[in-house]
Amino acid sequence: MVNTAAEPTWSLADWTVLGLLIEQPRHGFSLVKELGPDTLLGHVWSVPNPMIYRALRGLQAKGLIVPARAENSTLGPRRVPMRPTAKGRRCFDDWLQLPVEHFRDARVLLRVKLHLTIRLGLDPIDR
């Protein structure tokens, strides 16, 4: 189980990015589009671009994600999608099962967890 008290640098952005990478490998620009304010998840909680790229760097440094095969792009440089490691998947699953402890966190944290649970095809009742 993840000890979030011992890992104070983990943010909701980190967990959200990791969850989206578990859904499918993505590059930073794809995550930016997915977490913008005009998306379904963005209506729950949108993440500013710098926080997305910071989350990618942090998750990679922690060994939770690794680069997948690079993709050519007509819009700019080659993009490198990231994918979760087995450790990343375990950590995310542990986090997803942690209860939301404070009522003040229910508005955003619980909704993000439920959104990601459903997106990943998991049963929110069986969690």
C-alpha atoms as a PDB file:
ATOM      1  CA  MET A   1       0.000   0.000   0.000  1.00  0.00           C
ATOM      2  CA  VAL A   2       1.206   3.524  -0.751  1.00  0.00           C
ATOM      3  CA  ASN A   3       2.149   5.561   2.294  1.00  0.00           C
ATOM      4  CA  THR A   4       1.181   9.028   1.145  1.00  0.00           C
ATOM      5  CA  ALA A   5       2.225  10.531   4.486  1.00  0.00           C
ATOM      6  CA  ALA A   6       5.790   9.415   3.780  1.00  0.00           C
ATOM      7  CA  GLU A   7       5.592  10.759   0.224  1.00  0.00           C
ATOM      8  CA  PRO A   8       4.592  14.433   0.600  1.00  0.00           C
ATOM      9  CA  THR A   9       5.576  15.360  -2.942  1.00  0.00           C
ATOM     10  CA  TRP A  10       2.785  13.294  -4.507  1.00  0.00           C
ATOM     11  CA  SER A  11       0.050  15.578  -5.746  1.00  0.00           C
ATOM     12  CA  LEU A  12      -3.367  14.977  -7.206  1.00  0.00           C
ATOM     13  CA  ALA A  13      -1.815  15.952 -10.542  1.00  0.00           C
ATOM     14  CA  ASP A  14       0.717  13.108 -10.161  1.00  0.00           C
ATOM     15  CA  TRP A  15      -2.016  10.573  -9.460  1.00  0.00           C
ATOM     16  CA  THR A  16      -4.273  11.873 -12.232  1.00  0.00           C
ATOM     17  CA  VAL A  17      -1.488  11.764 -14.823  1.00  0.00           C
ATOM     18  CA  LEU A  18      -0.507   8.260 -13.698  1.00  0.00           C
ATOM     19  CA  GLY A  19      -4.124   7.108 -13.988  1.00  0.00           C
ATOM     20  CA  LEU A  20      -4.430   8.471 -17.507  1.00  0.00           C
ATOM     21  CA  LEU A  21      -1.180   6.731 -18.474  1.00  0.00           C
ATOM     22  CA  ILE A  22      -2.561   3.470 -17.114  1.00  0.00           C
ATOM     23  CA  GLU A  23      -5.578   3.951 -19.361  1.00  0.00           C
ATOM     24  CA  GLN A  24      -3.214   4.259 -22.342  1.00  0.00           C
ATOM     25  CA  PRO A  25       0.324   5.523 -23.053  1.00  0.00           C
ATOM     26  CA  ARG A  26       0.308   9.256 -23.757  1.00  0.00           C
ATOM     27  CA  HIS A  27       2.728  12.097 -24.357  1.00  0.00           C
ATOM     28  CA  GLY A  28       2.644  15.431 -22.563  1.00  0.00           C
ATOM     29  CA  PHE A  29       0.631  17.287 -25.193  1.00  0.00           C
ATOM     30  CA  SER A  30      -2.031  14.573 -25.163  1.00  0.00           C
ATOM     31  CA  LEU A  31      -2.279  14.907 -21.376  1.00  0.00           C
ATOM     32  CA  VAL A  32      -2.551  18.690 -21.689  1.00  0.00           C
ATOM     33  CA  LYS A  33      -5.534  18.252 -23.996  1.00  0.00           C
ATOM     34  CA  GLU A  34      -7.082  15.584 -21.756  1.00  0.00           C
ATOM     35  CA  LEU A  35      -6.780  17.689 -18.589  1.00  0.00           C
ATOM     36  CA  GLY A  36      -7.927  20.992 -20.062  1.00  0.00           C
ATOM     37  CA  PRO A  37     -10.951  22.762 -18.581  1.00  0.00           C
ATOM     38  CA  ASP A  38     -13.181  21.888 -21.549  1.00  0.00           C
ATOM     39  CA  THR A  39     -12.934  18.097 -21.145  1.00  0.00           C
ATOM     40  CA  LEU A  40     -15.073  15.760 -19.083  1.00  0.00           C
ATOM     41  CA  LEU A  41     -12.280  15.218 -16.565  1.00  0.00           C
ATOM     42  CA  GLY A  42     -11.348  18.897 -16.757  1.00  0.00           C
ATOM     43  CA  HIS A  43     -14.832  19.818 -15.558  1.00  0.00           C
ATOM     44  CA  VAL A  44     -14.033  17.886 -12.394  1.00  0.00           C
ATOM     45  CA  TRP A  45     -10.459  19.109 -12.068  1.00  0.00           C
ATOM     46  CA  SER A  46      -8.237  20.695 -14.697  1.00  0.00           C
ATOM     47  CA  VAL A  47      -4.468  20.701 -14.408  1.00  0.00           C
ATOM     48  CA  PRO A  48      -2.256  23.575 -15.606  1.00  0.00           C
ATOM     49  CA  ASN A  49       0.291  22.605 -18.266  1.00  0.00           C
ATOM     50  CA  PRO A  50       3.408  23.109 -16.096  1.00  0.00           C
ATOM     51  CA  MET A  51       1.969  20.772 -13.444  1.00  0.00           C
ATOM     52  CA  ILE A  52       1.411  18.050 -16.051  1.00  0.00           C
ATOM     53  CA  TYR A  53       5.007  18.165 -17.234  1.00  0.00           C
ATOM     54  CA  ARG A  54       6.270  18.339 -13.628  1.00  0.00           C
ATOM     55  CA  ALA A  55       4.160  15.253 -12.839  1.00  0.00           C
ATOM     56  CA  LEU A  56       5.653  13.395 -15.816  1.00  0.00           C
ATOM     57  CA  ARG A  57       9.203  14.193 -14.684  1.00  0.00           C
ATOM     58  CA  GLY A  58       8.452  13.235 -11.085  1.00  0.00           C
ATOM     59  CA  LEU A  59       6.704   9.982 -11.970  1.00  0.00           C
ATOM     60  CA  GLN A  60       9.590   8.997 -14.215  1.00  0.00           C
ATOM     61  CA  ALA A  61      12.161   9.854 -11.517  1.00  0.00           C
ATOM     62  CA  LYS A  62      10.229   7.639  -9.062  1.00  0.00           C
ATOM     63  CA  GLY A  63      10.248   4.730 -11.508  1.00  0.00           C
ATOM     64  CA  LEU A  64       6.474   4.757 -11.948  1.00  0.00           C
ATOM     65  CA  ILE A  65       6.493   5.501 -15.687  1.00  0.00           C
ATOM     66  CA  VAL A  66       8.901   4.877 -18.553  1.00  0.00           C
ATOM     67  CA  PRO A  67       9.087   6.077 -22.148  1.00  0.00           C
ATOM     68  CA  ALA A  68       7.244   4.063 -24.760  1.00  0.00           C
ATOM     69  CA  ARG A  69       8.037   4.137 -28.473  1.00  0.00           C
ATOM     70  CA  ALA A  70       8.497   7.676 -29.870  1.00  0.00           C
ATOM     71  CA  GLU A  71       5.905   8.981 -32.348  1.00  0.00           C
ATOM     72  CA  ASN A  72       6.548  11.259 -35.298  1.00  0.00           C
ATOM     73  CA  SER A  73       4.526  14.447 -35.344  1.00  0.00           C
ATOM     74  CA  THR A  74       3.651  16.870 -38.099  1.00  0.00           C
ATOM     75  CA  LEU A  75       3.102  19.586 -35.481  1.00  0.00           C
ATOM     76  CA  GLY A  76       6.579  19.620 -33.961  1.00  0.00           C
ATOM     77  CA  PRO A  77       9.292  17.362 -32.602  1.00  0.00           C
ATOM     78  CA  ARG A  78       8.863  13.644 -32.091  1.00  0.00           C
ATOM     79  CA  ARG A  79       6.643  12.892 -29.136  1.00  0.00           C
ATOM     80  CA  VAL A  80       7.492  10.240 -26.594  1.00  0.00           C
ATOM     81  CA  PRO A  81       4.462   8.669 -24.948  1.00  0.00           C
ATOM     82  CA  MET A  82       4.944   7.467 -21.403  1.00  0.00           C
ATOM     83  CA  ARG A  83       3.578   4.240 -19.988  1.00  0.00           C
ATOM     84  CA  PRO A  84       3.302   2.977 -16.414  1.00  0.00           C
ATOM     85  CA  THR A  85       5.643   0.428 -14.893  1.00  0.00           C
ATOM     86  CA  ALA A  86       4.343  -2.492 -12.825  1.00  0.00           C
ATOM     87  CA  LYS A  87       5.313  -0.490  -9.736  1.00  0.00           C
ATOM     88  CA  GLY A  88       3.333   2.484 -11.066  1.00  0.00           C
ATOM     89  CA  ARG A  89       0.257   0.337 -11.601  1.00  0.00           C
ATOM     90  CA  ARG A  90       0.489  -1.104  -8.079  1.00  0.00           C
ATOM     91  CA  CYS A  91       0.972   2.317  -6.502  1.00  0.00           C
ATOM     92  CA  PHE A  92      -1.975   3.756  -8.422  1.00  0.00           C
ATOM     93  CA  ASP A  93      -4.237   0.855  -7.501  1.00  0.00           C
ATOM     94  CA  ASP A  94      -3.273   1.266  -3.825  1.00  0.00           C
ATOM     95  CA  TRP A  95      -3.960   5.007  -3.991  1.00  0.00           C
ATOM     96  CA  LEU A  96      -7.274   4.501  -5.750  1.00  0.00           C
ATOM     97  CA  GLN A  97      -8.429   2.237  -2.922  1.00  0.00           C
ATOM     98  CA  LEU A  98      -7.485   4.663  -0.154  1.00  0.00           C
ATOM     99  CA  PRO A  99     -10.597   6.290   1.280  1.00  0.00           C
ATOM    100  CA  VAL A 100     -11.048  10.021   1.032  1.00  0.00           C
ATOM    101  CA  GLU A 101     -10.582  10.932   4.686  1.00  0.00           C
ATOM    102  CA  HIS A 102     -11.787  14.511   4.878  1.00  0.00           C
ATOM    103  CA  PHE A 103     -15.148  15.837   3.766  1.00  0.00           C
ATOM    104  CA  ARG A 104     -13.419  18.881   2.231  1.00  0.00           C
ATOM    105  CA  ASP A 105     -11.611  16.504  -0.174  1.00  0.00           C
ATOM    106  CA  ALA A 106     -14.806  14.863  -1.411  1.00  0.00           C
ATOM    107  CA  ARG A 107     -15.561  17.608  -3.918  1.00  0.00           C
ATOM    108  CA  VAL A 108     -12.429  17.114  -6.003  1.00  0.00           C
ATOM    109  CA  LEU A 109     -10.424  14.103  -4.809  1.00  0.00           C
ATOM    110  CA  LEU A 110     -13.347  11.702  -4.595  1.00  0.00           C
ATOM    111  CA  ARG A 111     -14.718  12.819  -7.956  1.00  0.00           C
ATOM    112  CA  VAL A 112     -11.300  12.397  -9.634  1.00  0.00           C
ATOM    113  CA  LYS A 113     -10.917   8.933  -8.109  1.00  0.00           C
ATOM    114  CA  LEU A 114     -14.397   7.927  -9.264  1.00  0.00           C
ATOM    115  CA  HIS A 115     -13.826   9.352 -12.733  1.00  0.00           C
ATOM    116  CA  LEU A 116     -10.537   7.460 -13.144  1.00  0.00           C
ATOM    117  CA  THR A 117     -12.030   4.271 -11.679  1.00  0.00           C
ATOM    118  CA  ILE A 118     -14.833   4.309 -14.218  1.00  0.00           C
ATOM    119  CA  ARG A 119     -12.530   5.271 -17.105  1.00  0.00           C
ATOM    120  CA  LEU A 120     -10.279   2.331 -16.299  1.00  0.00           C
ATOM    121  CA  GLY A 121     -13.278  -0.005 -16.397  1.00  0.00           C
ATOM    122  CA  LEU A 122     -13.075  -0.797 -12.694  1.00  0.00           C
ATOM    123  CA  ASP A 123     -16.070  -1.316 -10.458  1.00  0.00           C
ATOM    124  CA  PRO A 124     -16.288   1.615  -8.017  1.00  0.00           C
ATOM    125  CA  ILE A 125     -18.461  -0.438  -5.652  1.00  0.00           C
ATOM    126  CA  ASP A 126     -16.023  -3.342  -5.513  1.00  0.00           C
ATOM    127  CA  ARG A 127     -13.112  -1.084  -4.572  1.00  0.00           C
END
